[in-house]
Amino acid sequence: MVEMKRQGKTQAELADLIKVNRSTFNQKLNRINGKDFYYSEASLIAKALHMQVSDFS
């Protein structure tokens, strides 16, 4: 996530925000084994990054 890096946010910080471990966050971020974020998780991440969920693609 380019915006995550630009804002200096780490995967660990955002994982804590959505209450998953960093490994699970990474799997969801990279869609490993079909894992993906729930809309509620994406909403929290978007808010933390001052974005809209629709900005994710």
PDB file of N, CA and C in Angstrom:
ATOM      1  N   MET A   1       0.842  -1.173   0.000  1.00  0.00           N
ATOM      2  CA  MET A   1       0.000   0.000   0.000  1.00  0.00           C
ATOM      3  C   MET A   1       0.887   1.235   0.000  1.00  0.00           C
ATOM      4  N   VAL A   2       0.909   1.929  -1.079  1.00  0.00           N
ATOM      5  CA  VAL A   2       1.765   3.103  -1.230  1.00  0.00           C
ATOM      6  C   VAL A   2       1.420   4.169  -0.193  1.00  0.00           C
ATOM      7  N   GLU A   3       0.138   4.394   0.000  1.00  0.00           N
ATOM      8  CA  GLU A   3      -0.291   5.440   0.942  1.00  0.00           C
ATOM      9  C   GLU A   3       0.131   5.111   2.368  1.00  0.00           C
ATOM     10  N   MET A   4       0.084   3.848   2.724  1.00  0.00           N
ATOM     11  CA  MET A   4       0.517   3.417   4.053  1.00  0.00           C
ATOM     12  C   MET A   4       1.979   3.805   4.267  1.00  0.00           C
ATOM     13  N   LYS A   5       2.798   3.501   3.301  1.00  0.00           N
ATOM     14  CA  LYS A   5       4.225   3.817   3.397  1.00  0.00           C
ATOM     15  C   LYS A   5       4.445   5.328   3.398  1.00  0.00           C
ATOM     16  N   ARG A   6       3.725   6.046   2.547  1.00  0.00           N
ATOM     17  CA  ARG A   6       3.881   7.495   2.453  1.00  0.00           C
ATOM     18  C   ARG A   6       3.576   8.174   3.784  1.00  0.00           C
ATOM     19  N   GLN A   7       2.593   7.647   4.491  1.00  0.00           N
ATOM     20  CA  GLN A   7       2.201   8.233   5.766  1.00  0.00           C
ATOM     21  C   GLN A   7       2.989   7.673   6.948  1.00  0.00           C
ATOM     22  N   GLY A   8       3.909   6.767   6.668  1.00  0.00           N
ATOM     23  CA  GLY A   8       4.745   6.215   7.728  1.00  0.00           C
ATOM     24  C   GLY A   8       4.031   5.238   8.645  1.00  0.00           C
ATOM     25  N   LYS A   9       2.940   4.657   8.164  1.00  0.00           N
ATOM     26  CA  LYS A   9       2.205   3.658   8.944  1.00  0.00           C
ATOM     27  C   LYS A   9       2.805   2.287   8.673  1.00  0.00           C
ATOM     28  N   THR A  10       2.882   1.474   9.699  1.00  0.00           N
ATOM     29  CA  THR A  10       3.407   0.120   9.527  1.00  0.00           C
ATOM     30  C   THR A  10       2.264  -0.887   9.464  1.00  0.00           C
ATOM     31  N   GLN A  11       2.578  -2.056   8.927  1.00  0.00           N
ATOM     32  CA  GLN A  11       1.590  -3.130   8.912  1.00  0.00           C
ATOM     33  C   GLN A  11       1.195  -3.484  10.336  1.00  0.00           C
ATOM     34  N   ALA A  12       2.151  -3.472  11.250  1.00  0.00           N
ATOM     35  CA  ALA A  12       1.860  -3.805  12.649  1.00  0.00           C
ATOM     36  C   ALA A  12       0.864  -2.818  13.255  1.00  0.00           C
ATOM     37  N   GLU A  13       1.026  -1.535  12.969  1.00  0.00           N
ATOM     38  CA  GLU A  13       0.102  -0.519  13.499  1.00  0.00           C
ATOM     39  C   GLU A  13      -1.312  -0.727  12.967  1.00  0.00           C
ATOM     40  N   LEU A  14      -1.418  -0.961  11.673  1.00  0.00           N
ATOM     41  CA  LEU A  14      -2.739  -1.145  11.078  1.00  0.00           C
ATOM     42  C   LEU A  14      -3.338  -2.493  11.478  1.00  0.00           C
ATOM     43  N   ALA A  15      -2.499  -3.500  11.657  1.00  0.00           N
ATOM     44  CA  ALA A  15      -2.980  -4.796  12.147  1.00  0.00           C
ATOM     45  C   ALA A  15      -3.573  -4.642  13.542  1.00  0.00           C
ATOM     46  N   ASP A  16      -2.891  -3.907  14.405  1.00  0.00           N
ATOM     47  CA  ASP A  16      -3.416  -3.651  15.752  1.00  0.00           C
ATOM     48  C   ASP A  16      -4.760  -2.932  15.675  1.00  0.00           C
ATOM     49  N   LEU A  17      -4.867  -2.001  14.759  1.00  0.00           N
ATOM     50  CA  LEU A  17      -6.097  -1.226  14.601  1.00  0.00           C
ATOM     51  C   LEU A  17      -7.298  -2.122  14.295  1.00  0.00           C
ATOM     52  N   ILE A  18      -7.085  -3.116  13.428  1.00  0.00           N
ATOM     53  CA  ILE A  18      -8.198  -3.998  13.052  1.00  0.00           C
ATOM     54  C   ILE A  18      -8.199  -5.299  13.861  1.00  0.00           C
ATOM     55  N   LYS A  19      -7.320  -5.371  14.853  1.00  0.00           N
ATOM     56  CA  LYS A  19      -7.279  -6.486  15.803  1.00  0.00           C
ATOM     57  C   LYS A  19      -6.965  -7.840  15.159  1.00  0.00           C
ATOM     58  N   VAL A  20      -5.951  -7.830  14.283  1.00  0.00           N
ATOM     59  CA  VAL A  20      -5.395  -9.071  13.742  1.00  0.00           C
ATOM     60  C   VAL A  20      -3.886  -8.995  13.920  1.00  0.00           C
ATOM     61  N   ASN A  21      -3.223 -10.156  13.843  1.00  0.00           N
ATOM     62  CA  ASN A  21      -1.764 -10.086  13.957  1.00  0.00           C
ATOM     63  C   ASN A  21      -1.155  -9.615  12.641  1.00  0.00           C
ATOM     64  N   ARG A  22       0.102  -9.223  12.682  1.00  0.00           N
ATOM     65  CA  ARG A  22       0.752  -8.652  11.508  1.00  0.00           C
ATOM     66  C   ARG A  22       0.812  -9.652  10.360  1.00  0.00           C
ATOM     67  N   SER A  23       1.007 -10.911  10.681  1.00  0.00           N
ATOM     68  CA  SER A  23       1.066 -11.935   9.644  1.00  0.00           C
ATOM     69  C   SER A  23      -0.265 -12.045   8.893  1.00  0.00           C
ATOM     70  N   THR A  24      -1.358 -12.035   9.624  1.00  0.00           N
ATOM     71  CA  THR A  24      -2.685 -12.083   9.004  1.00  0.00           C
ATOM     72  C   THR A  24      -2.931 -10.833   8.176  1.00  0.00           C
ATOM     73  N   PHE A  25      -2.526  -9.684   8.695  1.00  0.00           N
ATOM     74  CA  PHE A  25      -2.681  -8.434   7.948  1.00  0.00           C
ATOM     75  C   PHE A  25      -1.944  -8.541   6.617  1.00  0.00           C
ATOM     76  N   ASN A  26      -0.717  -9.047   6.650  1.00  0.00           N
ATOM     77  CA  ASN A  26       0.079  -9.186   5.431  1.00  0.00           C
ATOM     78  C   ASN A  26      -0.587 -10.136   4.445  1.00  0.00           C
ATOM     79  N   GLN A  27      -1.133 -11.242   4.945  1.00  0.00           N
ATOM     80  CA  GLN A  27      -1.819 -12.193   4.065  1.00  0.00           C
ATOM     81  C   GLN A  27      -3.028 -11.546   3.401  1.00  0.00           C
ATOM     82  N   LYS A  28      -3.777 -10.759   4.165  1.00  0.00           N
ATOM     83  CA  LYS A  28      -4.942 -10.079   3.601  1.00  0.00           C
ATOM     84  C   LYS A  28      -4.511  -9.006   2.607  1.00  0.00           C
ATOM     85  N   LEU A  29      -3.473  -8.265   2.948  1.00  0.00           N
ATOM     86  CA  LEU A  29      -2.981  -7.206   2.073  1.00  0.00           C
ATOM     87  C   LEU A  29      -2.547  -7.772   0.724  1.00  0.00           C
ATOM     88  N   ASN A  30      -1.906  -8.934   0.757  1.00  0.00           N
ATOM     89  CA  ASN A  30      -1.399  -9.563  -0.465  1.00  0.00           C
ATOM     90  C   ASN A  30      -2.338 -10.624  -1.025  1.00  0.00           C
ATOM     91  N   ARG A  31      -3.512 -10.758  -0.415  1.00  0.00           N
ATOM     92  CA  ARG A  31      -4.557 -11.702  -0.840  1.00  0.00           C
ATOM     93  C   ARG A  31      -4.030 -13.124  -0.988  1.00  0.00           C
ATOM     94  N   ILE A  32      -3.228 -13.530  -0.014  1.00  0.00           N
ATOM     95  CA  ILE A  32      -2.667 -14.877  -0.003  1.00  0.00           C
ATOM     96  C   ILE A  32      -3.770 -15.865   0.364  1.00  0.00           C
ATOM     97  N   ASN A  33      -3.861 -16.954  -0.388  1.00  0.00           N
ATOM     98  CA  ASN A  33      -4.876 -17.993  -0.167  1.00  0.00           C
ATOM     99  C   ASN A  33      -6.290 -17.422  -0.169  1.00  0.00           C
ATOM    100  N   GLY A  34      -6.516 -16.401  -0.967  1.00  0.00           N
ATOM    101  CA  GLY A  34      -7.843 -15.823  -1.102  1.00  0.00           C
ATOM    102  C   GLY A  34      -8.290 -14.956   0.063  1.00  0.00           C
ATOM    103  N   LYS A  35      -7.379 -14.697   1.009  1.00  0.00           N
ATOM    104  CA  LYS A  35      -7.747 -13.851   2.152  1.00  0.00           C
ATOM    105  C   LYS A  35      -7.901 -12.411   1.697  1.00  0.00           C
ATOM    106  N   ASP A  36      -8.846 -11.725   2.303  1.00  0.00           N
ATOM    107  CA  ASP A  36      -9.089 -10.324   1.976  1.00  0.00           C
ATOM    108  C   ASP A  36      -9.656  -9.647   3.214  1.00  0.00           C
ATOM    109  N   PHE A  37      -9.647  -8.337   3.220  1.00  0.00           N
ATOM    110  CA  PHE A  37     -10.176  -7.578   4.343  1.00  0.00           C
ATOM    111  C   PHE A  37     -11.695  -7.583   4.319  1.00  0.00           C
ATOM    112  N   TYR A  38     -12.294  -7.679   5.509  1.00  0.00           N
ATOM    113  CA  TYR A  38     -13.725  -7.436   5.633  1.00  0.00           C
ATOM    114  C   TYR A  38     -13.937  -5.944   5.399  1.00  0.00           C
ATOM    115  N   TYR A  39     -15.151  -5.588   4.996  1.00  0.00           N
ATOM    116  CA  TYR A  39     -15.436  -4.170   4.749  1.00  0.00           C
ATOM    117  C   TYR A  39     -15.192  -3.346   6.007  1.00  0.00           C
ATOM    118  N   SER A  40     -15.548  -3.881   7.155  1.00  0.00           N
ATOM    119  CA  SER A  40     -15.341  -3.146   8.414  1.00  0.00           C
ATOM    120  C   SER A  40     -13.860  -2.889   8.665  1.00  0.00           C
ATOM    121  N   GLU A  41     -13.011  -3.853   8.318  1.00  0.00           N
ATOM    122  CA  GLU A  41     -11.564  -3.672   8.467  1.00  0.00           C
ATOM    123  C   GLU A  41     -11.058  -2.630   7.479  1.00  0.00           C
ATOM    124  N   ALA A  42     -11.512  -2.737   6.236  1.00  0.00           N
ATOM    125  CA  ALA A  42     -11.099  -1.774   5.211  1.00  0.00           C
ATOM    126  C   ALA A  42     -11.517  -0.360   5.598  1.00  0.00           C
ATOM    127  N   SER A  43     -12.689  -0.234   6.208  1.00  0.00           N
ATOM    128  CA  SER A  43     -13.163   1.088   6.644  1.00  0.00           C
ATOM    129  C   SER A  43     -12.254   1.687   7.705  1.00  0.00           C
ATOM    130  N   LEU A  44     -11.837   0.874   8.669  1.00  0.00           N
ATOM    131  CA  LEU A  44     -10.933   1.358   9.716  1.00  0.00           C
ATOM    132  C   LEU A  44      -9.578   1.761   9.135  1.00  0.00           C
ATOM    133  N   ILE A  45      -9.070   0.957   8.216  1.00  0.00           N
ATOM    134  CA  ILE A  45      -7.784   1.259   7.580  1.00  0.00           C
ATOM    135  C   ILE A  45      -7.894   2.547   6.774  1.00  0.00           C
ATOM    136  N   ALA A  46      -8.965   2.678   6.007  1.00  0.00           N
ATOM    137  CA  ALA A  46      -9.168   3.888   5.200  1.00  0.00           C
ATOM    138  C   ALA A  46      -9.222   5.122   6.092  1.00  0.00           C
ATOM    139  N   LYS A  47      -9.939   5.033   7.185  1.00  0.00           N
ATOM    140  CA  LYS A  47     -10.049   6.173   8.106  1.00  0.00           C
ATOM    141  C   LYS A  47      -8.678   6.538   8.674  1.00  0.00           C
ATOM    142  N   ALA A  48      -7.890   5.534   9.050  1.00  0.00           N
ATOM    143  CA  ALA A  48      -6.557   5.781   9.606  1.00  0.00           C
ATOM    144  C   ALA A  48      -5.634   6.444   8.591  1.00  0.00           C
ATOM    145  N   LEU A  49      -5.876   6.159   7.303  1.00  0.00           N
ATOM    146  CA  LEU A  49      -5.041   6.712   6.233  1.00  0.00           C
ATOM    147  C   LEU A  49      -5.670   7.955   5.596  1.00  0.00           C
ATOM    148  N   HIS A  50      -6.788   8.422   6.163  1.00  0.00           N
ATOM    149  CA  HIS A  50      -7.495   9.605   5.643  1.00  0.00           C
ATOM    150  C   HIS A  50      -7.888   9.397   4.183  1.00  0.00           C
ATOM    151  N   MET A  51      -8.462   8.218   3.926  1.00  0.00           N
ATOM    152  CA  MET A  51      -8.885   7.834   2.581  1.00  0.00           C
ATOM    153  C   MET A  51     -10.317   7.323   2.642  1.00  0.00           C
ATOM    154  N   GLN A  52     -10.849   6.989   1.482  1.00  0.00           N
ATOM    155  CA  GLN A  52     -12.137   6.319   1.356  1.00  0.00           C
ATOM    156  C   GLN A  52     -11.872   4.866   0.961  1.00  0.00           C
ATOM    157  N   VAL A  53     -12.743   3.963   1.371  1.00  0.00           N
ATOM    158  CA  VAL A  53     -12.594   2.563   0.969  1.00  0.00           C
ATOM    159  C   VAL A  53     -12.563   2.459  -0.555  1.00  0.00           C
ATOM    160  N   SER A  54     -13.323   3.297  -1.227  1.00  0.00           N
ATOM    161  CA  SER A  54     -13.363   3.265  -2.693  1.00  0.00           C
ATOM    162  C   SER A  54     -12.019   3.627  -3.327  1.00  0.00           C
ATOM    163  N   ASP A  55     -11.109   4.220  -2.547  1.00  0.00           N
ATOM    164  CA  ASP A  55      -9.776   4.536  -3.064  1.00  0.00           C
ATOM    165  C   ASP A  55      -8.915   3.287  -3.212  1.00  0.00           C
ATOM    166  N   PHE A  56      -9.287   2.208  -2.504  1.00  0.00           N
ATOM    167  CA  PHE A  56      -8.535   0.955  -2.602  1.00  0.00           C
ATOM    168  C   PHE A  56      -8.954   0.240  -3.881  1.00  0.00           C
ATOM    169  N   SER A  57      -7.990  -0.276  -4.603  1.00  0.00           N
ATOM    170  CA  SER A  57      -8.346  -1.046  -5.796  1.00  0.00           C
ATOM    171  C   SER A  57      -7.381  -2.162  -6.018  1.00  0.00           C
TER     172      SER A  57
END
